[in-house]
Amino acid sequence: MSDFKDLQLRAVEVRQKYAEYNKKNGNDKWGGKELAMGFVGDVGDLVKLVMAKENLRKIDDADIKMAHELSDCLWSLLVIADKYNVDLDTSFHKTMRELEQRIAS
C-alpha cells in the first residue's frame, strides 16, 4: 500500500474508527474545524521535534517521534482533504508543475 489514493483510503478508514470510538465514549464526531485544530496541534508537536533536531530542545527518541508526528500531519491533511472533497493527488501534481514553471522563469 504505497499509492497516494491508498494512503487516503487508509486515513479515512482510521478517521471512521475514531468517529465510532468517540461515539461509543459519548464524544462528538470531529468535523472540519476539529480536524484543522488537531492538525495545528500536530504541527506544533512537529516544530518541537525540529527544534530538538536543531539542538534547541532536548527530546528523547526525537527521530522516532518525528516520524510519528510527520505521519500524524499527513493523516490530518488526508482526512481534511477528504472532508472537503479535495483531490490531493491531482492538486499536488498541479501545484508542483506550477512551482517548477515559476522557478524556471
PDB file of N, CA and C in Angstrom:
ATOM      1  N   MET A   1       0.850  -1.182   0.000  1.00  0.00           N
ATOM      2  CA  MET A   1       0.000   0.000   0.000  1.00  0.00           C
ATOM      3  C   MET A   1       0.893   1.243   0.000  1.00  0.00           C
ATOM      4  N   SER A   2       1.228   1.744  -1.171  1.00  0.00           N
ATOM      5  CA  SER A   2       2.071   2.933  -1.221  1.00  0.00           C
ATOM      6  C   SER A   2       1.513   4.002  -2.145  1.00  0.00           C
ATOM      7  N   ASP A   3       0.496   3.672  -2.876  1.00  0.00           N
ATOM      8  CA  ASP A   3      -0.140   4.632  -3.762  1.00  0.00           C
ATOM      9  C   ASP A   3      -0.829   5.722  -2.936  1.00  0.00           C
ATOM     10  N   PHE A   4      -0.798   6.940  -3.437  1.00  0.00           N
ATOM     11  CA  PHE A   4      -1.367   8.079  -2.719  1.00  0.00           C
ATOM     12  C   PHE A   4      -2.833   7.848  -2.359  1.00  0.00           C
ATOM     13  N   LYS A   5      -3.602   7.357  -3.295  1.00  0.00           N
ATOM     14  CA  LYS A   5      -5.029   7.134  -3.028  1.00  0.00           C
ATOM     15  C   LYS A   5      -5.221   6.057  -1.962  1.00  0.00           C
ATOM     16  N   ASP A   6      -4.326   5.058  -1.942  1.00  0.00           N
ATOM     17  CA  ASP A   6      -4.389   4.043  -0.893  1.00  0.00           C
ATOM     18  C   ASP A   6      -4.140   4.660   0.479  1.00  0.00           C
ATOM     19  N   LEU A   7      -3.186   5.586   0.537  1.00  0.00           N
ATOM     20  CA  LEU A   7      -2.923   6.278   1.802  1.00  0.00           C
ATOM     21  C   LEU A   7      -4.162   7.038   2.267  1.00  0.00           C
ATOM     22  N   GLN A   8      -4.823   7.711   1.326  1.00  0.00           N
ATOM     23  CA  GLN A   8      -6.010   8.472   1.699  1.00  0.00           C
ATOM     24  C   GLN A   8      -7.131   7.544   2.168  1.00  0.00           C
ATOM     25  N   LEU A   9      -7.323   6.433   1.487  1.00  0.00           N
ATOM     26  CA  LEU A   9      -8.349   5.478   1.917  1.00  0.00           C
ATOM     27  C   LEU A   9      -8.057   4.963   3.316  1.00  0.00           C
ATOM     28  N   ARG A  10      -6.800   4.651   3.585  1.00  0.00           N
ATOM     29  CA  ARG A  10      -6.408   4.160   4.913  1.00  0.00           C
ATOM     30  C   ARG A  10      -6.655   5.234   5.972  1.00  0.00           C
ATOM     31  N   ALA A  11      -6.314   6.474   5.663  1.00  0.00           N
ATOM     32  CA  ALA A  11      -6.536   7.573   6.604  1.00  0.00           C
ATOM     33  C   ALA A  11      -8.025   7.738   6.907  1.00  0.00           C
ATOM     34  N   VAL A  12      -8.852   7.631   5.885  1.00  0.00           N
ATOM     35  CA  VAL A  12     -10.303   7.773   6.067  1.00  0.00           C
ATOM     36  C   VAL A  12     -10.851   6.607   6.892  1.00  0.00           C
ATOM     37  N   GLU A  13     -10.318   5.407   6.680  1.00  0.00           N
ATOM     38  CA  GLU A  13     -10.727   4.250   7.498  1.00  0.00           C
ATOM     39  C   GLU A  13     -10.458   4.521   8.972  1.00  0.00           C
ATOM     40  N   VAL A  14      -9.279   5.019   9.266  1.00  0.00           N
ATOM     41  CA  VAL A  14      -8.914   5.302  10.658  1.00  0.00           C
ATOM     42  C   VAL A  14      -9.782   6.425  11.211  1.00  0.00           C
ATOM     43  N   ARG A  15     -10.075   7.424  10.390  1.00  0.00           N
ATOM     44  CA  ARG A  15     -10.958   8.508  10.845  1.00  0.00           C
ATOM     45  C   ARG A  15     -12.323   7.950  11.234  1.00  0.00           C
ATOM     46  N   GLN A  16     -12.847   7.023  10.430  1.00  0.00           N
ATOM     47  CA  GLN A  16     -14.144   6.420  10.743  1.00  0.00           C
ATOM     48  C   GLN A  16     -14.079   5.650  12.064  1.00  0.00           C
ATOM     49  N   LYS A  17     -12.977   4.965  12.299  1.00  0.00           N
ATOM     50  CA  LYS A  17     -12.815   4.241  13.568  1.00  0.00           C
ATOM     51  C   LYS A  17     -12.767   5.214  14.744  1.00  0.00           C
ATOM     52  N   TYR A  18     -12.118   6.363  14.553  1.00  0.00           N
ATOM     53  CA  TYR A  18     -12.124   7.394  15.592  1.00  0.00           C
ATOM     54  C   TYR A  18     -13.546   7.892  15.843  1.00  0.00           C
ATOM     55  N   ALA A  19     -14.321   8.081  14.794  1.00  0.00           N
ATOM     56  CA  ALA A  19     -15.702   8.547  14.951  1.00  0.00           C
ATOM     57  C   ALA A  19     -16.511   7.538  15.768  1.00  0.00           C
ATOM     58  N   GLU A  20     -16.331   6.252  15.465  1.00  0.00           N
ATOM     59  CA  GLU A  20     -17.032   5.203  16.216  1.00  0.00           C
ATOM     60  C   GLU A  20     -16.572   5.172  17.672  1.00  0.00           C
ATOM     61  N   TYR A  21     -15.275   5.317  17.882  1.00  0.00           N
ATOM     62  CA  TYR A  21     -14.707   5.333  19.234  1.00  0.00           C
ATOM     63  C   TYR A  21     -15.256   6.512  20.031  1.00  0.00           C
ATOM     64  N   ASN A  22     -15.277   7.687  19.416  1.00  0.00           N
ATOM     65  CA  ASN A  22     -15.796   8.876  20.094  1.00  0.00           C
ATOM     66  C   ASN A  22     -17.272   8.720  20.436  1.00  0.00           C
ATOM     67  N   LYS A  23     -18.045   8.172  19.507  1.00  0.00           N
ATOM     68  CA  LYS A  23     -19.478   7.964  19.752  1.00  0.00           C
ATOM     69  C   LYS A  23     -19.679   7.014  20.925  1.00  0.00           C
ATOM     70  N   LYS A  24     -18.914   5.922  20.931  1.00  0.00           N
ATOM     71  CA  LYS A  24     -19.012   4.931  21.998  1.00  0.00           C
ATOM     72  C   LYS A  24     -18.679   5.545  23.360  1.00  0.00           C
ATOM     73  N   ASN A  25     -17.792   6.517  23.374  1.00  0.00           N
ATOM     74  CA  ASN A  25     -17.361   7.151  24.618  1.00  0.00           C
ATOM     75  C   ASN A  25     -18.098   8.455  24.921  1.00  0.00           C
ATOM     76  N   GLY A  26     -19.170   8.716  24.167  1.00  0.00           N
ATOM     77  CA  GLY A  26     -20.003   9.880  24.438  1.00  0.00           C
ATOM     78  C   GLY A  26     -19.449  11.200  23.938  1.00  0.00           C
ATOM     79  N   ASN A  27     -18.480  11.143  23.026  1.00  0.00           N
ATOM     80  CA  ASN A  27     -17.894  12.359  22.457  1.00  0.00           C
ATOM     81  C   ASN A  27     -18.452  12.607  21.063  1.00  0.00           C
ATOM     82  N   ASP A  28     -18.438  13.857  20.662  1.00  0.00           N
ATOM     83  CA  ASP A  28     -18.921  14.222  19.336  1.00  0.00           C
ATOM     84  C   ASP A  28     -17.948  13.768  18.253  1.00  0.00           C
ATOM     85  N   LYS A  29     -18.496  13.540  17.067  1.00  0.00           N
ATOM     86  CA  LYS A  29     -17.673  13.254  15.892  1.00  0.00           C
ATOM     87  C   LYS A  29     -16.952  14.537  15.497  1.00  0.00           C
ATOM     88  N   TRP A  30     -15.693  14.394  15.107  1.00  0.00           N
ATOM     89  CA  TRP A  30     -14.934  15.565  14.678  1.00  0.00           C
ATOM     90  C   TRP A  30     -15.371  16.007  13.294  1.00  0.00           C
ATOM     91  N   GLY A  31     -15.592  17.308  13.143  1.00  0.00           N
ATOM     92  CA  GLY A  31     -15.859  17.912  11.847  1.00  0.00           C
ATOM     93  C   GLY A  31     -14.602  18.589  11.331  1.00  0.00           C
ATOM     94  N   GLY A  32     -14.769  19.392  10.315  1.00  0.00           N
ATOM     95  CA  GLY A  32     -13.636  20.069   9.704  1.00  0.00           C
ATOM     96  C   GLY A  32     -12.872  20.963  10.659  1.00  0.00           C
ATOM     97  N   LYS A  33     -13.601  21.681  11.502  1.00  0.00           N
ATOM     98  CA  LYS A  33     -12.962  22.597  12.458  1.00  0.00           C
ATOM     99  C   LYS A  33     -12.065  21.829  13.427  1.00  0.00           C
ATOM    100  N   GLU A  34     -12.574  20.729  13.956  1.00  0.00           N
ATOM    101  CA  GLU A  34     -11.799  19.935  14.907  1.00  0.00           C
ATOM    102  C   GLU A  34     -10.603  19.268  14.234  1.00  0.00           C
ATOM    103  N   LEU A  35     -10.803  18.807  13.000  1.00  0.00           N
ATOM    104  CA  LEU A  35      -9.685  18.211  12.259  1.00  0.00           C
ATOM    105  C   LEU A  35      -8.581  19.236  12.033  1.00  0.00           C
ATOM    106  N   ALA A  36      -8.968  20.460  11.692  1.00  0.00           N
ATOM    107  CA  ALA A  36      -7.976  21.517  11.470  1.00  0.00           C
ATOM    108  C   ALA A  36      -7.250  21.864  12.769  1.00  0.00           C
ATOM    109  N   MET A  37      -7.976  21.935  13.871  1.00  0.00           N
ATOM    110  CA  MET A  37      -7.331  22.227  15.151  1.00  0.00           C
ATOM    111  C   MET A  37      -6.388  21.097  15.560  1.00  0.00           C
ATOM    112  N   GLY A  38      -6.779  19.855  15.295  1.00  0.00           N
ATOM    113  CA  GLY A  38      -5.894  18.726  15.568  1.00  0.00           C
ATOM    114  C   GLY A  38      -4.627  18.806  14.740  1.00  0.00           C
ATOM    115  N   PHE A  39      -4.768  19.222  13.482  1.00  0.00           N
ATOM    116  CA  PHE A  39      -3.609  19.382  12.602  1.00  0.00           C
ATOM    117  C   PHE A  39      -2.656  20.436  13.154  1.00  0.00           C
ATOM    118  N   VAL A  40      -3.210  21.544  13.614  1.00  0.00           N
ATOM    119  CA  VAL A  40      -2.376  22.605  14.185  1.00  0.00           C
ATOM    120  C   VAL A  40      -1.609  22.075  15.402  1.00  0.00           C
ATOM    121  N   GLY A  41      -2.266  21.277  16.229  1.00  0.00           N
ATOM    122  CA  GLY A  41      -1.587  20.674  17.374  1.00  0.00           C
ATOM    123  C   GLY A  41      -0.461  19.760  16.942  1.00  0.00           C
ATOM    124  N   ASP A  42      -0.711  18.959  15.898  1.00  0.00           N
ATOM    125  CA  ASP A  42       0.330  18.063  15.377  1.00  0.00           C
ATOM    126  C   ASP A  42       1.508  18.852  14.816  1.00  0.00           C
ATOM    127  N   VAL A  43       1.220  19.947  14.131  1.00  0.00           N
ATOM    128  CA  VAL A  43       2.299  20.786  13.590  1.00  0.00           C
ATOM    129  C   VAL A  43       3.115  21.380  14.740  1.00  0.00           C
ATOM    130  N   GLY A  44       2.446  21.789  15.800  1.00  0.00           N
ATOM    131  CA  GLY A  44       3.161  22.300  16.971  1.00  0.00           C
ATOM    132  C   GLY A  44       4.093  21.252  17.560  1.00  0.00           C
ATOM    133  N   ASP A  45       3.608  20.012  17.657  1.00  0.00           N
ATOM    134  CA  ASP A  45       4.455  18.919  18.149  1.00  0.00           C
ATOM    135  C   ASP A  45       5.634  18.683  17.214  1.00  0.00           C
ATOM    136  N   LEU A  46       5.391  18.771  15.918  1.00  0.00           N
ATOM    137  CA  LEU A  46       6.457  18.597  14.934  1.00  0.00           C
ATOM    138  C   LEU A  46       7.511  19.691  15.075  1.00  0.00           C
ATOM    139  N   VAL A  47       7.082  20.919  15.284  1.00  0.00           N
ATOM    140  CA  VAL A  47       8.025  22.033  15.438  1.00  0.00           C
ATOM    141  C   VAL A  47       8.939  21.794  16.641  1.00  0.00           C
ATOM    142  N   LYS A  48       8.389  21.299  17.734  1.00  0.00           N
ATOM    143  CA  LYS A  48       9.221  20.993  18.903  1.00  0.00           C
ATOM    144  C   LYS A  48      10.276  19.944  18.562  1.00  0.00           C
ATOM    145  N   LEU A  49       9.906  18.967  17.752  1.00  0.00           N
ATOM    146  CA  LEU A  49      10.862  17.933  17.357  1.00  0.00           C
ATOM    147  C   LEU A  49      11.919  18.486  16.413  1.00  0.00           C
ATOM    148  N   VAL A  50      11.535  19.383  15.529  1.00  0.00           N
ATOM    149  CA  VAL A  50      12.523  20.047  14.665  1.00  0.00           C
ATOM    150  C   VAL A  50      13.501  20.823  15.542  1.00  0.00           C
ATOM    151  N   MET A  51      12.985  21.500  16.546  1.00  0.00           N
ATOM    152  CA  MET A  51      13.861  22.222  17.466  1.00  0.00           C
ATOM    153  C   MET A  51      14.836  21.266  18.157  1.00  0.00           C
ATOM    154  N   ALA A  52      14.368  20.090  18.528  1.00  0.00           N
ATOM    155  CA  ALA A  52      15.255  19.096  19.144  1.00  0.00           C
ATOM    156  C   ALA A  52      16.330  18.655  18.166  1.00  0.00           C
ATOM    157  N   LYS A  53      15.953  18.444  16.912  1.00  0.00           N
ATOM    158  CA  LYS A  53      16.926  18.035  15.891  1.00  0.00           C
ATOM    159  C   LYS A  53      17.957  19.130  15.638  1.00  0.00           C
ATOM    160  N   GLU A  54      17.585  20.379  15.889  1.00  0.00           N
ATOM    161  CA  GLU A  54      18.487  21.517  15.698  1.00  0.00           C
ATOM    162  C   GLU A  54      19.208  21.892  16.997  1.00  0.00           C
ATOM    163  N   ASN A  55      19.140  20.991  17.990  1.00  0.00           N
ATOM    164  CA  ASN A  55      19.789  21.185  19.297  1.00  0.00           C
ATOM    165  C   ASN A  55      19.287  22.416  20.051  1.00  0.00           C
ATOM    166  N   LEU A  56      18.013  22.724  19.888  1.00  0.00           N
ATOM    167  CA  LEU A  56      17.398  23.825  20.624  1.00  0.00           C
ATOM    168  C   LEU A  56      16.531  23.326  21.773  1.00  0.00           C
ATOM    169  N   ARG A  57      16.237  22.033  21.767  1.00  0.00           N
ATOM    170  CA  ARG A  57      15.455  21.385  22.820  1.00  0.00           C
ATOM    171  C   ARG A  57      16.023  19.999  23.031  1.00  0.00           C
ATOM    172  N   LYS A  58      15.732  19.430  24.187  1.00  0.00           N
ATOM    173  CA  LYS A  58      16.130  18.053  24.467  1.00  0.00           C
ATOM    174  C   LYS A  58      14.869  17.199  24.490  1.00  0.00           C
ATOM    175  N   ILE A  59      14.769  16.292  23.524  1.00  0.00           N
ATOM    176  CA  ILE A  59      13.657  15.345  23.474  1.00  0.00           C
ATOM    177  C   ILE A  59      14.252  13.977  23.185  1.00  0.00           C
ATOM    178  N   ASP A  60      14.002  13.030  24.073  1.00  0.00           N
ATOM    179  CA  ASP A  60      14.478  11.667  23.854  1.00  0.00           C
ATOM    180  C   ASP A  60      13.755  11.043  22.665  1.00  0.00           C
ATOM    181  N   ASP A  61      14.469  10.218  21.928  1.00  0.00           N
ATOM    182  CA  ASP A  61      13.905   9.490  20.777  1.00  0.00           C
ATOM    183  C   ASP A  61      13.285  10.431  19.745  1.00  0.00           C
ATOM    184  N   ALA A  62      13.925  11.556  19.500  1.00  0.00           N
ATOM    185  CA  ALA A  62      13.376  12.568  18.589  1.00  0.00           C
ATOM    186  C   ALA A  62      13.159  12.024  17.182  1.00  0.00           C
ATOM    187  N   ASP A  63      14.050  11.161  16.692  1.00  0.00           N
ATOM    188  CA  ASP A  63      13.879  10.619  15.338  1.00  0.00           C
ATOM    189  C   ASP A  63      12.606   9.789  15.227  1.00  0.00           C
ATOM    190  N   ILE A  64      12.381   8.930  16.197  1.00  0.00           N
ATOM    191  CA  ILE A  64      11.183   8.082  16.198  1.00  0.00           C
ATOM    192  C   ILE A  64       9.935   8.947  16.335  1.00  0.00           C
ATOM    193  N   LYS A  65       9.994   9.912  17.234  1.00  0.00           N
ATOM    194  CA  LYS A  65       8.841  10.789  17.459  1.00  0.00           C
ATOM    195  C   LYS A  65       8.570  11.675  16.248  1.00  0.00           C
ATOM    196  N   MET A  66       9.629  12.094  15.550  1.00  0.00           N
ATOM    197  CA  MET A  66       9.439  12.919  14.355  1.00  0.00           C
ATOM    198  C   MET A  66       8.721  12.125  13.266  1.00  0.00           C
ATOM    199  N   ALA A  67       9.126  10.883  13.067  1.00  0.00           N
ATOM    200  CA  ALA A  67       8.452  10.043  12.066  1.00  0.00           C
ATOM    201  C   ALA A  67       6.967   9.917  12.401  1.00  0.00           C
ATOM    202  N   HIS A  68       6.667   9.746  13.679  1.00  0.00           N
ATOM    203  CA  HIS A  68       5.278   9.635  14.116  1.00  0.00           C
ATOM    204  C   HIS A  68       4.515  10.935  13.849  1.00  0.00           C
ATOM    205  N   GLU A  69       5.094  12.070  14.210  1.00  0.00           N
ATOM    206  CA  GLU A  69       4.405  13.353  14.018  1.00  0.00           C
ATOM    207  C   GLU A  69       4.216  13.693  12.544  1.00  0.00           C
ATOM    208  N   LEU A  70       5.217  13.384  11.732  1.00  0.00           N
ATOM    209  CA  LEU A  70       5.044  13.607  10.286  1.00  0.00           C
ATOM    210  C   LEU A  70       3.885  12.771   9.759  1.00  0.00           C
ATOM    211  N   SER A  71       3.772  11.539  10.243  1.00  0.00           N
ATOM    212  CA  SER A  71       2.648  10.688   9.833  1.00  0.00           C
ATOM    213  C   SER A  71       1.331  11.238  10.339  1.00  0.00           C
ATOM    214  N   ASP A  72       1.312  11.755  11.569  1.00  0.00           N
ATOM    215  CA  ASP A  72       0.098  12.393  12.093  1.00  0.00           C
ATOM    216  C   ASP A  72      -0.311  13.578  11.221  1.00  0.00           C
ATOM    217  N   CYS A  73       0.671  14.396  10.837  1.00  0.00           N
ATOM    218  CA  CYS A  73       0.378  15.562   9.989  1.00  0.00           C
ATOM    219  C   CYS A  73      -0.163  15.125   8.630  1.00  0.00           C
ATOM    220  N   LEU A  74       0.445  14.094   8.056  1.00  0.00           N
ATOM    221  CA  LEU A  74      -0.036  13.577   6.775  1.00  0.00           C
ATOM    222  C   LEU A  74      -1.464  13.064   6.918  1.00  0.00           C
ATOM    223  N   TRP A  75      -1.739  12.330   7.990  1.00  0.00           N
ATOM    224  CA  TRP A  75      -3.092  11.828   8.235  1.00  0.00           C
ATOM    225  C   TRP A  75      -4.077  12.994   8.278  1.00  0.00           C
ATOM    226  N   SER A  76      -3.721  14.035   9.017  1.00  0.00           N
ATOM    227  CA  SER A  76      -4.615  15.193   9.116  1.00  0.00           C
ATOM    228  C   SER A  76      -4.889  15.805   7.753  1.00  0.00           C
ATOM    229  N   LEU A  77      -3.848  15.994   6.958  1.00  0.00           N
ATOM    230  CA  LEU A  77      -4.032  16.568   5.621  1.00  0.00           C
ATOM    231  C   LEU A  77      -4.924  15.686   4.758  1.00  0.00           C
ATOM    232  N   LEU A  78      -4.717  14.386   4.845  1.00  0.00           N
ATOM    233  CA  LEU A  78      -5.511  13.463   4.027  1.00  0.00           C
ATOM    234  C   LEU A  78      -6.983  13.484   4.422  1.00  0.00           C
ATOM    235  N   VAL A  79      -7.276  13.495   5.722  1.00  0.00           N
ATOM    236  CA  VAL A  79      -8.688  13.470   6.123  1.00  0.00           C
ATOM    237  C   VAL A  79      -9.356  14.829   5.939  1.00  0.00           C
ATOM    238  N   ILE A  80      -8.601  15.919   6.082  1.00  0.00           N
ATOM    239  CA  ILE A  80      -9.174  17.242   5.799  1.00  0.00           C
ATOM    240  C   ILE A  80      -9.491  17.347   4.308  1.00  0.00           C
ATOM    241  N   ALA A  81      -8.592  16.874   3.470  1.00  0.00           N
ATOM    242  CA  ALA A  81      -8.846  16.881   2.022  1.00  0.00           C
ATOM    243  C   ALA A  81     -10.083  16.056   1.697  1.00  0.00           C
ATOM    244  N   ASP A  82     -10.213  14.895   2.323  1.00  0.00           N
ATOM    245  CA  ASP A  82     -11.388  14.056   2.091  1.00  0.00           C
ATOM    246  C   ASP A  82     -12.653  14.773   2.550  1.00  0.00           C
ATOM    247  N   LYS A  83     -12.596  15.392   3.703  1.00  0.00           N
ATOM    248  CA  LYS A  83     -13.766  16.096   4.255  1.00  0.00           C
ATOM    249  C   LYS A  83     -14.279  17.163   3.292  1.00  0.00           C
ATOM    250  N   TYR A  84     -13.354  17.870   2.631  1.00  0.00           N
ATOM    251  CA  TYR A  84     -13.739  18.968   1.755  1.00  0.00           C
ATOM    252  C   TYR A  84     -13.629  18.618   0.271  1.00  0.00           C
ATOM    253  N   ASN A  85     -13.562  17.315  -0.027  1.00  0.00           N
ATOM    254  CA  ASN A  85     -13.552  16.822  -1.413  1.00  0.00           C
ATOM    255  C   ASN A  85     -12.440  17.431  -2.259  1.00  0.00           C
ATOM    256  N   VAL A  86     -11.248  17.503  -1.685  1.00  0.00           N
ATOM    257  CA  VAL A  86     -10.077  17.980  -2.417  1.00  0.00           C
ATOM    258  C   VAL A  86      -9.295  16.763  -2.891  1.00  0.00           C
ATOM    259  N   ASP A  87      -9.060  16.676  -4.177  1.00  0.00           N
ATOM    260  CA  ASP A  87      -8.248  15.595  -4.742  1.00  0.00           C
ATOM    261  C   ASP A  87      -6.782  15.993  -4.590  1.00  0.00           C
ATOM    262  N   LEU A  88      -6.184  15.572  -3.479  1.00  0.00           N
ATOM    263  CA  LEU A  88      -4.805  15.966  -3.186  1.00  0.00           C
ATOM    264  C   LEU A  88      -3.816  15.418  -4.198  1.00  0.00           C
ATOM    265  N   ASP A  89      -4.065  14.240  -4.712  1.00  0.00           N
ATOM    266  CA  ASP A  89      -3.156  13.650  -5.700  1.00  0.00           C
ATOM    267  C   ASP A  89      -3.051  14.572  -6.913  1.00  0.00           C
ATOM    268  N   THR A  90      -4.187  14.929  -7.478  1.00  0.00           N
ATOM    269  CA  THR A  90      -4.215  15.816  -8.641  1.00  0.00           C
ATOM    270  C   THR A  90      -3.692  17.204  -8.281  1.00  0.00           C
ATOM    271  N   SER A  91      -4.154  17.728  -7.155  1.00  0.00           N
ATOM    272  CA  SER A  91      -3.759  19.069  -6.737  1.00  0.00           C
ATOM    273  C   SER A  91      -2.257  19.164  -6.474  1.00  0.00           C
ATOM    274  N   PHE A  92      -1.690  18.140  -5.852  1.00  0.00           N
ATOM    275  CA  PHE A  92      -0.256  18.151  -5.564  1.00  0.00           C
ATOM    276  C   PHE A  92       0.551  18.224  -6.856  1.00  0.00           C
ATOM    277  N   HIS A  93       0.221  17.356  -7.808  1.00  0.00           N
ATOM    278  CA  HIS A  93       0.966  17.348  -9.074  1.00  0.00           C
ATOM    279  C   HIS A  93       0.798  18.675  -9.821  1.00  0.00           C
ATOM    280  N   LYS A  94      -0.404  19.229  -9.793  1.00  0.00           N
ATOM    281  CA  LYS A  94      -0.652  20.522 -10.441  1.00  0.00           C
ATOM    282  C   LYS A  94       0.182  21.617  -9.778  1.00  0.00           C
ATOM    283  N   THR A  95       0.199  21.637  -8.465  1.00  0.00           N
ATOM    284  CA  THR A  95       0.962  22.649  -7.735  1.00  0.00           C
ATOM    285  C   THR A  95       2.457  22.508  -7.998  1.00  0.00           C
ATOM    286  N   MET A  96       2.964  21.279  -8.059  1.00  0.00           N
ATOM    287  CA  MET A  96       4.393  21.070  -8.335  1.00  0.00           C
ATOM    288  C   MET A  96       4.759  21.571  -9.731  1.00  0.00           C
ATOM    289  N   ARG A  97       3.861  21.335 -10.706  1.00  0.00           N
ATOM    290  CA  ARG A  97       4.106  21.861 -12.060  1.00  0.00           C
ATOM    291  C   ARG A  97       4.150  23.386 -12.043  1.00  0.00           C
ATOM    292  N   GLU A  98       3.215  24.002 -11.318  1.00  0.00           N
ATOM    293  CA  GLU A  98       3.183  25.465 -11.223  1.00  0.00           C
ATOM    294  C   GLU A  98       4.456  26.000 -10.570  1.00  0.00           C
ATOM    295  N   LEU A  99       4.920  25.351  -9.524  1.00  0.00           N
ATOM    296  CA  LEU A  99       6.151  25.785  -8.860  1.00  0.00           C
ATOM    297  C   LEU A  99       7.352  25.636  -9.785  1.00  0.00           C
ATOM    298  N   GLU A 100       7.410  24.538 -10.512  1.00  0.00           N
ATOM    299  CA  GLU A 100       8.510  24.337 -11.463  1.00  0.00           C
ATOM    300  C   GLU A 100       8.502  25.412 -12.542  1.00  0.00           C
ATOM    301  N   GLN A 101       7.314  25.749 -13.030  1.00  0.00           N
ATOM    302  CA  GLN A 101       7.215  26.803 -14.041  1.00  0.00           C
ATOM    303  C   GLN A 101       7.656  28.145 -13.466  1.00  0.00           C
ATOM    304  N   ARG A 102       7.298  28.412 -12.227  1.00  0.00           N
ATOM    305  CA  ARG A 102       7.660  29.678 -11.590  1.00  0.00           C
ATOM    306  C   ARG A 102       9.178  29.791 -11.441  1.00  0.00           C
ATOM    307  N   ILE A 103       9.835  28.733 -11.014  1.00  0.00           N
ATOM    308  CA  ILE A 103      11.282  28.827 -10.813  1.00  0.00           C
ATOM    309  C   ILE A 103      12.056  28.728 -12.122  1.00  0.00           C
ATOM    310  N   ALA A 104      11.408  28.219 -13.169  1.00  0.00           N
ATOM    311  CA  ALA A 104      12.062  28.134 -14.481  1.00  0.00           C
ATOM    312  C   ALA A 104      12.042  29.476 -15.205  1.00  0.00           C
ATOM    313  N   SER A 105      11.172  30.369 -14.782  1.00  0.00           N
ATOM    314  CA  SER A 105      11.027  31.673 -15.453  1.00  0.00           C
ATOM    315  C   SER A 105      12.191  32.587 -15.171  1.00  0.00           C
TER     316      SER A 105
END
